[in-house]
Amino acid sequence: MKHEVAVLVSPKSQSDALCSILGQGPYAPLRMGSIDDLPQYMQGRESGVLILDLDSEPVTNASLRGLKKKHPLTIIALSREQFHPGLEEALTHHIYACLGKPADPDELLYVLKSIFA
């Protein structure tokens, strides 16, 4: 059985690479065009996993807190940046892991394995 993982990553080339990595494991990537697609992904699910690109999506502590209140999500963040001033609360309380971008396949698959274990 494949575990579905929502993917919100830009640009398309990086999203393609990420979906290819996920396809190597027991995961089925579901691409999202924007954060507004999340309610549709979560419909009928008890929980979900979202891979979120912090570099391309305008997120704040408040927006991530709101996402977690509305949806039982595990969020894996991707970013080229090592520091995210202004996202301290989110990185501490709402984001499961923050990985470098582009994602290292072994690291990403390890994190996903720990989530679905």
PDB file of N, CA and C in Angstrom:
ATOM      1  N   MET A   1       0.831  -1.180   0.000  1.00  0.00           N
ATOM      2  CA  MET A   1       0.000   0.000   0.000  1.00  0.00           C
ATOM      3  C   MET A   1       0.876   1.244   0.000  1.00  0.00           C
ATOM      4  N   LYS A   2       0.578   2.176  -0.865  1.00  0.00           N
ATOM      5  CA  LYS A   2       1.348   3.415  -0.965  1.00  0.00           C
ATOM      6  C   LYS A   2       0.746   4.469  -0.040  1.00  0.00           C
ATOM      7  N   HIS A   3       1.613   5.183   0.647  1.00  0.00           N
ATOM      8  CA  HIS A   3       1.204   6.286   1.506  1.00  0.00           C
ATOM      9  C   HIS A   3       1.170   7.555   0.660  1.00  0.00           C
ATOM     10  N   GLU A   4       0.039   8.239   0.657  1.00  0.00           N
ATOM     11  CA  GLU A   4      -0.080   9.458  -0.134  1.00  0.00           C
ATOM     12  C   GLU A   4       0.551  10.631   0.617  1.00  0.00           C
ATOM     13  N   VAL A   5       1.333  11.414  -0.136  1.00  0.00           N
ATOM     14  CA  VAL A   5       2.035  12.561   0.418  1.00  0.00           C
ATOM     15  C   VAL A   5       1.736  13.766  -0.469  1.00  0.00           C
ATOM     16  N   ALA A   6       1.212  14.820   0.129  1.00  0.00           N
ATOM     17  CA  ALA A   6       0.944  16.049  -0.611  1.00  0.00           C
ATOM     18  C   ALA A   6       2.259  16.794  -0.825  1.00  0.00           C
ATOM     19  N   VAL A   7       2.441  17.309  -2.041  1.00  0.00           N
ATOM     20  CA  VAL A   7       3.685  17.986  -2.400  1.00  0.00           C
ATOM     21  C   VAL A   7       3.343  19.384  -2.909  1.00  0.00           C
ATOM     22  N   LEU A   8       3.890  20.395  -2.232  1.00  0.00           N
ATOM     23  CA  LEU A   8       3.724  21.784  -2.658  1.00  0.00           C
ATOM     24  C   LEU A   8       5.114  22.391  -2.745  1.00  0.00           C
ATOM     25  N   VAL A   9       5.739  22.175  -3.903  1.00  0.00           N
ATOM     26  CA  VAL A   9       7.128  22.573  -4.137  1.00  0.00           C
ATOM     27  C   VAL A   9       7.228  23.241  -5.498  1.00  0.00           C
ATOM     28  N   SER A  10       8.000  24.319  -5.572  1.00  0.00           N
ATOM     29  CA  SER A  10       8.274  25.013  -6.835  1.00  0.00           C
ATOM     30  C   SER A  10       9.779  25.144  -6.988  1.00  0.00           C
ATOM     31  N   PRO A  11      10.275  25.285  -8.168  1.00  0.00           N
ATOM     32  CA  PRO A  11       9.623  25.228  -9.468  1.00  0.00           C
ATOM     33  C   PRO A  11       9.274  23.787  -9.841  1.00  0.00           C
ATOM     34  N   LYS A  12       8.633  23.639 -10.993  1.00  0.00           N
ATOM     35  CA  LYS A  12       8.154  22.328 -11.438  1.00  0.00           C
ATOM     36  C   LYS A  12       9.281  21.309 -11.527  1.00  0.00           C
ATOM     37  N   SER A  13      10.469  21.740 -11.937  1.00  0.00           N
ATOM     38  CA  SER A  13      11.592  20.802 -12.051  1.00  0.00           C
ATOM     39  C   SER A  13      11.936  20.191 -10.694  1.00  0.00           C
ATOM     40  N   GLN A  14      11.873  20.988  -9.623  1.00  0.00           N
ATOM     41  CA  GLN A  14      12.157  20.460  -8.295  1.00  0.00           C
ATOM     42  C   GLN A  14      11.003  19.595  -7.796  1.00  0.00           C
ATOM     43  N   SER A  15       9.792  19.971  -8.155  1.00  0.00           N
ATOM     44  CA  SER A  15       8.634  19.153  -7.807  1.00  0.00           C
ATOM     45  C   SER A  15       8.723  17.792  -8.505  1.00  0.00           C
ATOM     46  N   ASP A  16       9.121  17.801  -9.786  1.00  0.00           N
ATOM     47  CA  ASP A  16       9.289  16.552 -10.535  1.00  0.00           C
ATOM     48  C   ASP A  16      10.331  15.653  -9.878  1.00  0.00           C
ATOM     49  N   ALA A  17      11.461  16.246  -9.496  1.00  0.00           N
ATOM     50  CA  ALA A  17      12.532  15.472  -8.862  1.00  0.00           C
ATOM     51  C   ALA A  17      12.060  14.881  -7.538  1.00  0.00           C
ATOM     52  N   LEU A  18      11.340  15.670  -6.775  1.00  0.00           N
ATOM     53  CA  LEU A  18      10.840  15.213  -5.488  1.00  0.00           C
ATOM     54  C   LEU A  18       9.837  14.073  -5.663  1.00  0.00           C
ATOM     55  N   CYS A  19       8.938  14.215  -6.620  1.00  0.00           N
ATOM     56  CA  CYS A  19       7.947  13.161  -6.882  1.00  0.00           C
ATOM     57  C   CYS A  19       8.633  11.880  -7.350  1.00  0.00           C
ATOM     58  N   SER A  20       9.719  12.013  -8.087  1.00  0.00           N
ATOM     59  CA  SER A  20      10.488  10.847  -8.520  1.00  0.00           C
ATOM     60  C   SER A  20      11.103  10.127  -7.313  1.00  0.00           C
ATOM     61  N   ILE A  21      11.631  10.898  -6.376  1.00  0.00           N
ATOM     62  CA  ILE A  21      12.195  10.319  -5.148  1.00  0.00           C
ATOM     63  C   ILE A  21      11.112   9.570  -4.380  1.00  0.00           C
ATOM     64  N   LEU A  22       9.954  10.209  -4.229  1.00  0.00           N
ATOM     65  CA  LEU A  22       8.863   9.585  -3.480  1.00  0.00           C
ATOM     66  C   LEU A  22       8.401   8.297  -4.144  1.00  0.00           C
ATOM     67  N   GLY A  23       8.375   8.282  -5.465  1.00  0.00           N
ATOM     68  CA  GLY A  23       7.951   7.107  -6.206  1.00  0.00           C
ATOM     69  C   GLY A  23       8.864   5.910  -6.007  1.00  0.00           C
ATOM     70  N   GLN A  24      10.101   6.146  -5.553  1.00  0.00           N
ATOM     71  CA  GLN A  24      11.047   5.056  -5.298  1.00  0.00           C
ATOM     72  C   GLN A  24      10.689   4.285  -4.032  1.00  0.00           C
ATOM     73  N   GLY A  25       9.956   4.929  -3.160  1.00  0.00           N
ATOM     74  CA  GLY A  25       9.566   4.282  -1.911  1.00  0.00           C
ATOM     75  C   GLY A  25       8.092   3.933  -1.952  1.00  0.00           C
ATOM     76  N   PRO A  26       7.552   3.610  -0.805  1.00  0.00           N
ATOM     77  CA  PRO A  26       6.132   3.243  -0.754  1.00  0.00           C
ATOM     78  C   PRO A  26       5.226   4.477  -0.632  1.00  0.00           C
ATOM     79  N   TYR A  27       5.491   5.486  -1.469  1.00  0.00           N
ATOM     80  CA  TYR A  27       4.773   6.749  -1.371  1.00  0.00           C
ATOM     81  C   TYR A  27       4.157   7.127  -2.709  1.00  0.00           C
ATOM     82  N   ALA A  28       3.001   7.749  -2.638  1.00  0.00           N
ATOM     83  CA  ALA A  28       2.314   8.240  -3.830  1.00  0.00           C
ATOM     84  C   ALA A  28       2.226   9.761  -3.701  1.00  0.00           C
ATOM     85  N   PRO A  29       3.024  10.489  -4.469  1.00  0.00           N
ATOM     86  CA  PRO A  29       2.985  11.946  -4.378  1.00  0.00           C
ATOM     87  C   PRO A  29       1.722  12.515  -5.012  1.00  0.00           C
ATOM     88  N   LEU A  30       1.123  13.470  -4.337  1.00  0.00           N
ATOM     89  CA  LEU A  30      -0.043  14.188  -4.844  1.00  0.00           C
ATOM     90  C   LEU A  30       0.342  15.658  -4.939  1.00  0.00           C
ATOM     91  N   ARG A  31       0.552  16.141  -6.142  1.00  0.00           N
ATOM     92  CA  ARG A  31       0.971  17.535  -6.333  1.00  0.00           C
ATOM     93  C   ARG A  31      -0.172  18.488  -6.027  1.00  0.00           C
ATOM     94  N   MET A  32       0.194  19.563  -5.369  1.00  0.00           N
ATOM     95  CA  MET A  32      -0.760  20.621  -5.081  1.00  0.00           C
ATOM     96  C   MET A  32      -0.292  21.889  -5.788  1.00  0.00           C
ATOM     97  N   GLY A  33      -1.230  22.642  -6.324  1.00  0.00           N
ATOM     98  CA  GLY A  33      -0.899  23.896  -6.996  1.00  0.00           C
ATOM     99  C   GLY A  33      -0.698  25.041  -6.028  1.00  0.00           C
ATOM    100  N   SER A  34      -1.416  24.968  -4.899  1.00  0.00           N
ATOM    101  CA  SER A  34      -1.296  26.003  -3.871  1.00  0.00           C
ATOM    102  C   SER A  34      -1.785  25.437  -2.545  1.00  0.00           C
ATOM    103  N   ILE A  35      -1.577  26.206  -1.505  1.00  0.00           N
ATOM    104  CA  ILE A  35      -2.010  25.784  -0.178  1.00  0.00           C
ATOM    105  C   ILE A  35      -3.532  25.671  -0.121  1.00  0.00           C
ATOM    106  N   ASP A  36      -4.215  26.348  -1.037  1.00  0.00           N
ATOM    107  CA  ASP A  36      -5.678  26.290  -1.095  1.00  0.00           C
ATOM    108  C   ASP A  36      -6.187  24.907  -1.495  1.00  0.00           C
ATOM    109  N   ASP A  37      -5.321  24.055  -2.066  1.00  0.00           N
ATOM    110  CA  ASP A  37      -5.700  22.692  -2.445  1.00  0.00           C
ATOM    111  C   ASP A  37      -5.701  21.729  -1.261  1.00  0.00           C
ATOM    112  N   LEU A  38      -5.195  22.180  -0.128  1.00  0.00           N
ATOM    113  CA  LEU A  38      -5.056  21.299   1.037  1.00  0.00           C
ATOM    114  C   LEU A  38      -6.384  20.728   1.543  1.00  0.00           C
ATOM    115  N   PRO A  39      -7.466  21.510   1.650  1.00  0.00           N
ATOM    116  CA  PRO A  39      -8.722  20.909   2.117  1.00  0.00           C
ATOM    117  C   PRO A  39      -9.185  19.734   1.243  1.00  0.00           C
ATOM    118  N   GLN A  40      -8.979  19.834  -0.051  1.00  0.00           N
ATOM    119  CA  GLN A  40      -9.361  18.737  -0.950  1.00  0.00           C
ATOM    120  C   GLN A  40      -8.506  17.494  -0.661  1.00  0.00           C
ATOM    121  N   TYR A  41      -7.200  17.687  -0.446  1.00  0.00           N
ATOM    122  CA  TYR A  41      -6.308  16.572  -0.113  1.00  0.00           C
ATOM    123  C   TYR A  41      -6.733  15.918   1.204  1.00  0.00           C
ATOM    124  N   MET A  42      -7.136  16.727   2.170  1.00  0.00           N
ATOM    125  CA  MET A  42      -7.450  16.210   3.507  1.00  0.00           C
ATOM    126  C   MET A  42      -8.843  15.595   3.593  1.00  0.00           C
ATOM    127  N   GLN A  43      -9.679  15.825   2.595  1.00  0.00           N
ATOM    128  CA  GLN A  43     -11.051  15.316   2.633  1.00  0.00           C
ATOM    129  C   GLN A  43     -11.055  13.797   2.797  1.00  0.00           C
ATOM    130  N   GLY A  44     -11.715  13.335   3.842  1.00  0.00           N
ATOM    131  CA  GLY A  44     -11.833  11.907   4.104  1.00  0.00           C
ATOM    132  C   GLY A  44     -10.611  11.283   4.752  1.00  0.00           C
ATOM    133  N   ARG A  45      -9.635  12.077   5.139  1.00  0.00           N
ATOM    134  CA  ARG A  45      -8.419  11.555   5.774  1.00  0.00           C
ATOM    135  C   ARG A  45      -8.407  11.880   7.266  1.00  0.00           C
ATOM    136  N   GLU A  46      -7.877  10.958   8.019  1.00  0.00           N
ATOM    137  CA  GLU A  46      -7.678  11.220   9.438  1.00  0.00           C
ATOM    138  C   GLU A  46      -6.438  12.064   9.672  1.00  0.00           C
ATOM    139  N   SER A  47      -5.448  11.906   8.796  1.00  0.00           N
ATOM    140  CA  SER A  47      -4.216  12.675   8.908  1.00  0.00           C
ATOM    141  C   SER A  47      -3.566  12.747   7.529  1.00  0.00           C
ATOM    142  N   GLY A  48      -2.575  13.617   7.418  1.00  0.00           N
ATOM    143  CA  GLY A  48      -1.886  13.763   6.144  1.00  0.00           C
ATOM    144  C   GLY A  48      -0.457  14.215   6.334  1.00  0.00           C
ATOM    145  N   VAL A  49       0.308  14.097   5.264  1.00  0.00           N
ATOM    146  CA  VAL A  49       1.692  14.555   5.250  1.00  0.00           C
ATOM    147  C   VAL A  49       1.820  15.554   4.111  1.00  0.00           C
ATOM    148  N   LEU A  50       2.410  16.703   4.412  1.00  0.00           N
ATOM    149  CA  LEU A  50       2.611  17.760   3.437  1.00  0.00           C
ATOM    150  C   LEU A  50       4.088  18.098   3.352  1.00  0.00           C
ATOM    151  N   ILE A  51       4.636  18.053   2.135  1.00  0.00           N
ATOM    152  CA  ILE A  51       5.988  18.549   1.902  1.00  0.00           C
ATOM    153  C   ILE A  51       5.814  19.953   1.355  1.00  0.00           C
ATOM    154  N   LEU A  52       6.322  20.942   2.092  1.00  0.00           N
ATOM    155  CA  LEU A  52       6.068  22.353   1.819  1.00  0.00           C
ATOM    156  C   LEU A  52       7.368  23.099   1.538  1.00  0.00           C
ATOM    157  N   ASP A  53       7.410  23.803   0.435  1.00  0.00           N
ATOM    158  CA  ASP A  53       8.562  24.607   0.031  1.00  0.00           C
ATOM    159  C   ASP A  53       8.468  25.981   0.693  1.00  0.00           C
ATOM    160  N   LEU A  54       9.304  26.223   1.700  1.00  0.00           N
ATOM    161  CA  LEU A  54       9.276  27.506   2.400  1.00  0.00           C
ATOM    162  C   LEU A  54       9.785  28.649   1.531  1.00  0.00           C
ATOM    163  N   ASP A  55      10.569  28.335   0.498  1.00  0.00           N
ATOM    164  CA  ASP A  55      11.132  29.378  -0.352  1.00  0.00           C
ATOM    165  C   ASP A  55      10.118  29.953  -1.340  1.00  0.00           C
ATOM    166  N   SER A  56       9.098  29.180  -1.680  1.00  0.00           N
ATOM    167  CA  SER A  56       8.158  29.652  -2.695  1.00  0.00           C
ATOM    168  C   SER A  56       6.753  29.916  -2.161  1.00  0.00           C
ATOM    169  N   GLU A  57       6.435  29.408  -0.983  1.00  0.00           N
ATOM    170  CA  GLU A  57       5.105  29.620  -0.412  1.00  0.00           C
ATOM    171  C   GLU A  57       5.178  30.682   0.678  1.00  0.00           C
ATOM    172  N   PRO A  58       4.326  31.685   0.593  1.00  0.00           N
ATOM    173  CA  PRO A  58       4.331  32.744   1.615  1.00  0.00           C
ATOM    174  C   PRO A  58       3.642  32.267   2.891  1.00  0.00           C
ATOM    175  N   VAL A  59       4.395  31.692   3.796  1.00  0.00           N
ATOM    176  CA  VAL A  59       3.831  31.185   5.041  1.00  0.00           C
ATOM    177  C   VAL A  59       4.365  31.995   6.218  1.00  0.00           C
ATOM    178  N   THR A  60       3.569  32.016   7.264  1.00  0.00           N
ATOM    179  CA  THR A  60       3.929  32.692   8.506  1.00  0.00           C
ATOM    180  C   THR A  60       3.664  31.743   9.661  1.00  0.00           C
ATOM    181  N   ASN A  61       4.113  32.139  10.850  1.00  0.00           N
ATOM    182  CA  ASN A  61       3.784  31.347  12.036  1.00  0.00           C
ATOM    183  C   ASN A  61       2.271  31.177  12.145  1.00  0.00           C
ATOM    184  N   ALA A  62       1.546  32.261  11.955  1.00  0.00           N
ATOM    185  CA  ALA A  62       0.086  32.220  12.090  1.00  0.00           C
ATOM    186  C   ALA A  62      -0.560  31.320  11.041  1.00  0.00           C
ATOM    187  N   SER A  63      -0.098  31.392   9.792  1.00  0.00           N
ATOM    188  CA  SER A  63      -0.715  30.565   8.754  1.00  0.00           C
ATOM    189  C   SER A  63      -0.433  29.085   8.991  1.00  0.00           C
ATOM    190  N   LEU A  64       0.763  28.740   9.427  1.00  0.00           N
ATOM    191  CA  LEU A  64       1.074  27.338   9.709  1.00  0.00           C
ATOM    192  C   LEU A  64       0.331  26.848  10.952  1.00  0.00           C
ATOM    193  N   ARG A  65       0.206  27.707  11.953  1.00  0.00           N
ATOM    194  CA  ARG A  65      -0.572  27.352  13.139  1.00  0.00           C
ATOM    195  C   ARG A  65      -2.021  27.076  12.737  1.00  0.00           C
ATOM    196  N   GLY A  66      -2.579  27.924  11.869  1.00  0.00           N
ATOM    197  CA  GLY A  66      -3.943  27.733  11.397  1.00  0.00           C
ATOM    198  C   GLY A  66      -4.120  26.449  10.617  1.00  0.00           C
ATOM    199  N   LEU A  67      -3.141  26.116   9.762  1.00  0.00           N
ATOM    200  CA  LEU A  67      -3.192  24.855   9.014  1.00  0.00           C
ATOM    201  C   LEU A  67      -3.251  23.663   9.954  1.00  0.00           C
ATOM    202  N   LYS A  68      -2.403  23.698  10.967  1.00  0.00           N
ATOM    203  CA  LYS A  68      -2.345  22.572  11.901  1.00  0.00           C
ATOM    204  C   LYS A  68      -3.615  22.473  12.746  1.00  0.00           C
ATOM    205  N   LYS A  69      -4.266  23.606  13.019  1.00  0.00           N
ATOM    206  CA  LYS A  69      -5.522  23.568  13.777  1.00  0.00           C
ATOM    207  C   LYS A  69      -6.652  22.991  12.936  1.00  0.00           C
ATOM    208  N   LYS A  70      -6.664  23.320  11.645  1.00  0.00           N
ATOM    209  CA  LYS A  70      -7.725  22.852  10.755  1.00  0.00           C
ATOM    210  C   LYS A  70      -7.533  21.409  10.314  1.00  0.00           C
ATOM    211  N   HIS A  71      -6.284  21.016  10.139  1.00  0.00           N
ATOM    212  CA  HIS A  71      -5.989  19.712   9.549  1.00  0.00           C
ATOM    213  C   HIS A  71      -4.931  18.977  10.377  1.00  0.00           C
ATOM    214  N   PRO A  72      -5.137  17.684  10.627  1.00  0.00           N
ATOM    215  CA  PRO A  72      -4.114  16.892  11.320  1.00  0.00           C
ATOM    216  C   PRO A  72      -2.984  16.545  10.351  1.00  0.00           C
ATOM    217  N   LEU A  73      -2.058  17.477  10.214  1.00  0.00           N
ATOM    218  CA  LEU A  73      -0.975  17.354   9.237  1.00  0.00           C
ATOM    219  C   LEU A  73       0.369  17.162   9.894  1.00  0.00           C
ATOM    220  N   THR A  74       1.223  16.429   9.217  1.00  0.00           N
ATOM    221  CA  THR A  74       2.644  16.411   9.522  1.00  0.00           C
ATOM    222  C   THR A  74       3.308  17.166   8.383  1.00  0.00           C
ATOM    223  N   ILE A  75       4.018  18.231   8.711  1.00  0.00           N
ATOM    224  CA  ILE A  75       4.615  19.081   7.693  1.00  0.00           C
ATOM    225  C   ILE A  75       6.115  18.860   7.640  1.00  0.00           C
ATOM    226  N   ILE A  76       6.596  18.565   6.439  1.00  0.00           N
ATOM    227  CA  ILE A  76       8.032  18.514   6.170  1.00  0.00           C
ATOM    228  C   ILE A  76       8.327  19.742   5.325  1.00  0.00           C
ATOM    229  N   ALA A  77       9.191  20.607   5.811  1.00  0.00           N
ATOM    230  CA  ALA A  77       9.537  21.821   5.087  1.00  0.00           C
ATOM    231  C   ALA A  77      10.824  21.611   4.304  1.00  0.00           C
ATOM    232  N   LEU A  78      10.908  22.263   3.160  1.00  0.00           N
ATOM    233  CA  LEU A  78      12.125  22.285   2.353  1.00  0.00           C
ATOM    234  C   LEU A  78      12.534  23.736   2.173  1.00  0.00           C
ATOM    235  N   SER A  79      13.851  23.996   2.223  1.00  0.00           N
ATOM    236  CA  SER A  79      14.319  25.362   2.021  1.00  0.00           C
ATOM    237  C   SER A  79      15.800  25.384   1.663  1.00  0.00           C
ATOM    238  N   ARG A  80      16.166  26.381   0.877  1.00  0.00           N
ATOM    239  CA  ARG A  80      17.582  26.632   0.596  1.00  0.00           C
ATOM    240  C   ARG A  80      18.233  27.379   1.753  1.00  0.00           C
ATOM    241  N   GLU A  81      17.420  28.096   2.501  1.00  0.00           N
ATOM    242  CA  GLU A  81      17.914  28.927   3.606  1.00  0.00           C
ATOM    243  C   GLU A  81      18.128  28.089   4.858  1.00  0.00           C
ATOM    244  N   GLN A  82      19.157  28.453   5.625  1.00  0.00           N
ATOM    245  CA  GLN A  82      19.401  27.756   6.886  1.00  0.00           C
ATOM    246  C   GLN A  82      18.629  28.395   8.032  1.00  0.00           C
ATOM    247  N   PHE A  83      18.319  29.680   7.895  1.00  0.00           N
ATOM    248  CA  PHE A  83      17.630  30.408   8.955  1.00  0.00           C
ATOM    249  C   PHE A  83      16.345  31.000   8.405  1.00  0.00           C
ATOM    250  N   HIS A  84      15.322  30.987   9.236  1.00  0.00           N
ATOM    251  CA  HIS A  84      14.035  31.565   8.857  1.00  0.00           C
ATOM    252  C   HIS A  84      13.543  32.466   9.984  1.00  0.00           C
ATOM    253  N   PRO A  85      14.119  33.671  10.048  1.00  0.00           N
ATOM    254  CA  PRO A  85      13.634  34.596  11.076  1.00  0.00           C
ATOM    255  C   PRO A  85      12.140  34.834  10.868  1.00  0.00           C
ATOM    256  N   GLY A  86      11.418  34.802  11.932  1.00  0.00           N
ATOM    257  CA  GLY A  86       9.972  34.987  11.835  1.00  0.00           C
ATOM    258  C   GLY A  86       9.204  33.685  11.801  1.00  0.00           C
ATOM    259  N   LEU A  87       9.884  32.558  11.638  1.00  0.00           N
ATOM    260  CA  LEU A  87       9.197  31.262  11.634  1.00  0.00           C
ATOM    261  C   LEU A  87       9.633  30.387  12.812  1.00  0.00           C
ATOM    262  N   GLU A  88      10.151  31.029  13.856  1.00  0.00           N
ATOM    263  CA  GLU A  88      10.653  30.263  14.999  1.00  0.00           C
ATOM    264  C   GLU A  88       9.576  29.367  15.606  1.00  0.00           C
ATOM    265  N   GLU A  89       8.371  29.925  15.816  1.00  0.00           N
ATOM    266  CA  GLU A  89       7.277  29.142  16.394  1.00  0.00           C
ATOM    267  C   GLU A  89       6.930  27.956  15.495  1.00  0.00           C
ATOM    268  N   ALA A  90       6.820  28.213  14.207  1.00  0.00           N
ATOM    269  CA  ALA A  90       6.459  27.150  13.262  1.00  0.00           C
ATOM    270  C   ALA A  90       7.517  26.055  13.251  1.00  0.00           C
ATOM    271  N   LEU A  91       8.771  26.437  13.227  1.00  0.00           N
ATOM    272  CA  LEU A  91       9.846  25.449  13.186  1.00  0.00           C
ATOM    273  C   LEU A  91       9.920  24.649  14.483  1.00  0.00           C
ATOM    274  N   THR A  92       9.523  25.251  15.577  1.00  0.00           N
ATOM    275  CA  THR A  92       9.555  24.571  16.865  1.00  0.00           C
ATOM    276  C   THR A  92       8.335  23.691  17.098  1.00  0.00           C
ATOM    277  N   HIS A  93       7.155  24.177  16.687  1.00  0.00           N
ATOM    278  CA  HIS A  93       5.916  23.494  17.073  1.00  0.00           C
ATOM    279  C   HIS A  93       5.113  22.880  15.928  1.00  0.00           C
ATOM    280  N   HIS A  94       5.252  23.368  14.707  1.00  0.00           N
ATOM    281  CA  HIS A  94       4.330  22.959  13.648  1.00  0.00           C
ATOM    282  C   HIS A  94       4.982  22.196  12.497  1.00  0.00           C
ATOM    283  N   ILE A  95       6.275  22.283  12.385  1.00  0.00           N
ATOM    284  CA  ILE A  95       6.994  21.614  11.297  1.00  0.00           C
ATOM    285  C   ILE A  95       7.760  20.426  11.876  1.00  0.00           C
ATOM    286  N   TYR A  96       7.503  19.253  11.314  1.00  0.00           N
ATOM    287  CA  TYR A  96       8.129  18.016  11.801  1.00  0.00           C
ATOM    288  C   TYR A  96       9.631  18.008  11.514  1.00  0.00           C
ATOM    289  N   ALA A  97       9.997  18.401  10.283  1.00  0.00           N
ATOM    290  CA  ALA A  97      11.408  18.436   9.883  1.00  0.00           C
ATOM    291  C   ALA A  97      11.579  19.505   8.825  1.00  0.00           C
ATOM    292  N   CYS A  98      12.750  20.143   8.820  1.00  0.00           N
ATOM    293  CA  CYS A  98      13.086  21.117   7.784  1.00  0.00           C
ATOM    294  C   CYS A  98      14.349  20.608   7.099  1.00  0.00           C
ATOM    295  N   LEU A  99      14.219  20.271   5.822  1.00  0.00           N
ATOM    296  CA  LEU A  99      15.316  19.690   5.056  1.00  0.00           C
ATOM    297  C   LEU A  99      15.867  20.703   4.062  1.00  0.00           C
ATOM    298  N   GLY A 100      17.125  20.515   3.693  1.00  0.00           N
ATOM    299  CA  GLY A 100      17.741  21.366   2.689  1.00  0.00           C
ATOM    300  C   GLY A 100      17.141  21.119   1.318  1.00  0.00           C
ATOM    301  N   LYS A 101      17.296  22.113   0.480  1.00  0.00           N
ATOM    302  CA  LYS A 101      16.746  22.029  -0.871  1.00  0.00           C
ATOM    303  C   LYS A 101      17.892  22.192  -1.851  1.00  0.00           C
ATOM    304  N   PRO A 102      18.015  21.336  -2.828  1.00  0.00           N
ATOM    305  CA  PRO A 102      17.114  20.226  -3.156  1.00  0.00           C
ATOM    306  C   PRO A 102      17.229  19.106  -2.116  1.00  0.00           C
ATOM    307  N   ALA A 103      16.154  18.376  -1.970  1.00  0.00           N
ATOM    308  CA  ALA A 103      16.081  17.343  -0.938  1.00  0.00           C
ATOM    309  C   ALA A 103      17.043  16.202  -1.236  1.00  0.00           C
ATOM    310  N   ASP A 104      17.728  15.765  -0.205  1.00  0.00           N
ATOM    311  CA  ASP A 104      18.571  14.577  -0.298  1.00  0.00           C
ATOM    312  C   ASP A 104      17.637  13.368  -0.240  1.00  0.00           C
ATOM    313  N   PRO A 105      17.670  12.495  -1.250  1.00  0.00           N
ATOM    314  CA  PRO A 105      16.725  11.362  -1.282  1.00  0.00           C
ATOM    315  C   PRO A 105      16.751  10.495  -0.036  1.00  0.00           C
ATOM    316  N   ASP A 106      17.953  10.155   0.447  1.00  0.00           N
ATOM    317  CA  ASP A 106      18.048   9.289   1.628  1.00  0.00           C
ATOM    318  C   ASP A 106      17.460   9.966   2.864  1.00  0.00           C
ATOM    319  N   GLU A 107      17.755  11.249   3.019  1.00  0.00           N
ATOM    320  CA  GLU A 107      17.244  11.991   4.165  1.00  0.00           C
ATOM    321  C   GLU A 107      15.714  12.094   4.123  1.00  0.00           C
ATOM    322  N   LEU A 108      15.174  12.419   2.963  1.00  0.00           N
ATOM    323  CA  LEU A 108      13.730  12.544   2.818  1.00  0.00           C
ATOM    324  C   LEU A 108      13.031  11.211   3.079  1.00  0.00           C
ATOM    325  N   LEU A 109      13.533  10.141   2.489  1.00  0.00           N
ATOM    326  CA  LEU A 109      12.913   8.830   2.686  1.00  0.00           C
ATOM    327  C   LEU A 109      13.014   8.378   4.138  1.00  0.00           C
ATOM    328  N   TYR A 110      14.107   8.731   4.801  1.00  0.00           N
ATOM    329  CA  TYR A 110      14.259   8.404   6.231  1.00  0.00           C
ATOM    330  C   TYR A 110      13.209   9.137   7.067  1.00  0.00           C
ATOM    331  N   VAL A 111      13.022  10.423   6.791  1.00  0.00           N
ATOM    332  CA  VAL A 111      12.026  11.204   7.547  1.00  0.00           C
ATOM    333  C   VAL A 111      10.632  10.647   7.313  1.00  0.00           C
ATOM    334  N   LEU A 112      10.300  10.347   6.065  1.00  0.00           N
ATOM    335  CA  LEU A 112       8.983   9.792   5.765  1.00  0.00           C
ATOM    336  C   LEU A 112       8.781   8.438   6.441  1.00  0.00           C
ATOM    337  N   LYS A 113       9.815   7.629   6.446  1.00  0.00           N
ATOM    338  CA  LYS A 113       9.721   6.316   7.113  1.00  0.00           C
ATOM    339  C   LYS A 113       9.429   6.498   8.593  1.00  0.00           C
ATOM    340  N   SER A 114      10.039   7.516   9.221  1.00  0.00           N
ATOM    341  CA  SER A 114       9.787   7.747  10.645  1.00  0.00           C
ATOM    342  C   SER A 114       8.360   8.237  10.895  1.00  0.00           C
ATOM    343  N   ILE A 115       7.791   8.951   9.941  1.00  0.00           N
ATOM    344  CA  ILE A 115       6.419   9.439  10.085  1.00  0.00           C
ATOM    345  C   ILE A 115       5.431   8.282   9.966  1.00  0.00           C
ATOM    346  N   PHE A 116       5.647   7.413   8.988  1.00  0.00           N
ATOM    347  CA  PHE A 116       4.680   6.338   8.716  1.00  0.00           C
ATOM    348  C   PHE A 116       4.949   5.058   9.508  1.00  0.00           C
ATOM    349  N   ALA A 117       5.964   5.083  10.370  1.00  0.00           N
ATOM    350  CA  ALA A 117       6.296   3.869  11.148  1.00  0.00           C
ATOM    351  C   ALA A 117       5.235   3.544  12.170  1.00  0.00           C
TER     352      ALA A 117
END
